[in-house]
Protein backbone atom coordinates (compact mmCIF):
# COMPACT_ATOMS: atom_id res chain seq x y z
CA MET A 1 -0.04 0.10 -0.21
CA PRO A 2 1.34 3.23 -0.95
CA SER A 3 2.19 6.04 1.90
CA ILE A 4 1.82 10.02 1.74
CA ALA A 5 4.88 11.46 0.91
CA THR A 6 5.42 14.87 3.37
CA GLN A 7 9.06 15.43 2.39
CA GLN A 8 9.49 18.59 1.56
CA VAL A 9 12.00 19.49 -1.31
CA THR A 10 14.12 22.83 -1.51
CA LEU A 11 14.28 24.27 -5.22
CA SER A 12 16.05 27.02 -6.74
CA THR A 13 19.13 26.56 -8.74
CA PHE A 14 21.23 23.98 -9.92
CA PRO A 15 25.16 24.37 -8.65
CA ASP A 16 25.96 25.61 -11.62
CA GLU A 17 23.27 28.53 -11.05
CA ARG A 18 20.90 27.81 -14.01
CA PRO A 19 17.27 27.64 -12.57
CA PHE A 20 14.94 24.85 -11.98
CA THR A 21 12.54 24.61 -14.74
CA PRO A 22 9.21 23.04 -13.74
CA GLU A 23 10.67 19.61 -15.09
CA ASP A 24 13.59 19.91 -13.18
CA ALA A 25 11.83 20.80 -9.83
CA ILE A 26 8.70 17.56 -10.60
CA LYS A 27 11.52 15.17 -11.29
CA ALA A 28 13.65 16.40 -7.82
CA ILE A 29 10.28 16.36 -6.00
CA VAL A 30 9.64 12.37 -7.28
CA CYS A 31 13.77 11.16 -7.36
CA ASP A 32 13.40 12.43 -3.29
CA CYS A 33 10.35 10.79 -2.45
CA ASP A 34 11.82 7.52 -0.20
CA GLN A 35 8.03 5.85 -0.21
CA LEU A 36 8.73 5.31 -3.70
CA PRO A 37 10.65 2.33 -5.36
CA GLU A 38 14.09 3.65 -6.52
CA PHE A 39 13.41 2.16 -9.47
CA VAL A 40 10.58 4.40 -10.39
CA ARG A 41 12.21 7.35 -8.70
CA ARG A 42 14.80 7.11 -11.47
CA ALA A 43 12.47 5.89 -14.55
CA ARG A 44 11.83 8.39 -17.56
CA PHE A 45 8.49 10.10 -17.45
CA SER A 46 5.95 8.24 -19.82
CA GLN A 47 3.43 11.52 -19.27
CA VAL A 48 3.35 14.58 -17.41
CA SER A 49 -0.28 16.62 -16.84
CA GLU A 50 -0.99 19.36 -14.72
CA ARG A 51 -4.65 19.85 -13.78
CA ARG A 52 -6.47 21.64 -10.81
CA LEU A 53 -7.95 19.16 -8.79
CA ASP A 54 -11.52 20.31 -8.51
CA ALA A 55 -14.98 18.15 -6.86
CA THR A 56 -15.55 17.11 -10.62
CA ILE A 57 -12.25 15.45 -11.61
CA LEU A 58 -11.75 14.04 -7.72
CA ASN A 59 -15.06 12.41 -7.97
CA ALA A 60 -14.13 11.13 -11.87
CA ILE A 61 -10.92 9.99 -10.02
CA VAL A 62 -12.02 8.20 -7.08
CA SER A 63 -15.28 6.43 -8.75
CA GLN A 64 -13.53 4.98 -11.87
CA PRO A 65 -14.50 1.12 -12.77
CA PRO A 66 -11.95 -1.88 -11.57
CA LEU A 67 -9.54 -3.08 -14.45
CA SER A 68 -9.52 -6.28 -12.43
CA GLY A 69 -11.97 -8.62 -11.34
CA ASN A 70 -11.08 -7.80 -7.19
CA GLU A 71 -13.81 -5.36 -6.19
CA GLU A 72 -13.03 -5.47 -2.73
CA CYS A 73 -9.49 -4.55 -3.41
CA TRP A 74 -10.55 -1.63 -5.98
CA ALA A 75 -12.96 -0.32 -3.24
CA GLU A 76 -10.05 0.07 -0.86
CA ARG A 77 -7.73 1.34 -3.62
CA LEU A 78 -10.20 4.61 -4.58
CA GLN A 79 -10.72 4.95 -0.84
CA ARG A 80 -6.98 5.82 -0.07
CA ARG A 81 -7.11 8.01 -3.24
CA ARG A 82 -9.72 10.46 -1.83
CA THR A 83 -8.08 10.66 1.33
CA ALA A 84 -4.58 11.22 0.37
CA LEU A 85 -6.65 13.81 -2.99
CA LEU A 86 -9.23 15.41 -1.08
CA PRO A 87 -6.95 17.97 1.30
CA HIS A 88 -5.47 18.99 -2.27
CA LEU A 89 -9.15 19.77 -3.35
CA ASP A 90 -8.45 23.07 -5.65
CA SER A 91 -5.01 22.68 -5.85
CA ARG A 92 -2.68 22.39 -9.23
CA LEU A 93 -1.83 19.22 -8.88
CA THR A 94 0.82 17.54 -11.68
CA CYS A 95 -0.20 13.77 -12.57
CA VAL A 96 3.49 11.61 -13.68
CA PHE A 97 2.98 8.35 -15.18
CA ILE A 98 5.81 5.84 -15.72
CA ARG A 99 5.21 3.19 -17.66
CA LEU A 100 7.27 0.23 -16.93
CA PRO A 101 7.16 -3.62 -18.31
CA GLY A 102 3.89 -4.76 -16.82
CA VAL A 103 3.14 -2.43 -14.79
CA HIS A 104 2.60 1.59 -14.70
CA TYR A 105 2.85 4.19 -12.04
CA THR A 106 0.75 7.12 -10.85
CA ILE A 107 2.19 9.86 -9.06
CA GLU A 108 0.54 13.09 -8.31
CA VAL A 109 2.87 15.76 -7.09
CA ASP A 110 1.80 19.01 -5.60
CA LEU A 111 4.55 21.58 -6.97
CA ALA A 112 4.05 24.30 -5.34
CA ALA A 113 4.22 22.13 -1.87
CA GLY A 114 7.22 20.16 -3.08
CA ILE A 115 5.67 17.38 -2.21
CA VAL A 116 4.11 13.93 -3.83
CA VAL A 117 0.66 13.56 -2.12
CA TYR A 118 -0.48 9.94 -3.22
CA TRP A 119 1.11 7.48 -5.90
CA GLU A 120 -0.04 4.21 -6.83
CA TRP A 121 1.04 1.18 -9.27
CA GLN A 122 -0.83 -1.33 -11.25
CA ALA A 123 -0.15 -4.29 -13.67
CA ASP A 124 -0.75 -4.09 -17.28
């Protein structure tokens, strides 16, 4: 079961004084999240999207139909999503998808707070 990361990352410049881009900042936050497996923290992002998490989007995220036949585990997953994401209602979140052989990870990042607010994995 994924944990909610609360580690904050200080972002300003690289040692060579080159400013962080938003992509650099997101990667730094993901790389510094100790709750994510090391191979996920170092993996290339497959897709990144930003959105304001409003009530409509939250309801869509936490009411998706199960992709597998285990309805009880799916209900628990949706509850974990709701619990993790609800405090971030009306915030701008960046959703990072990482696709690896046989599995994909979804990572929700609050760039303003510098934290991973939720992550999960699912077998393909």
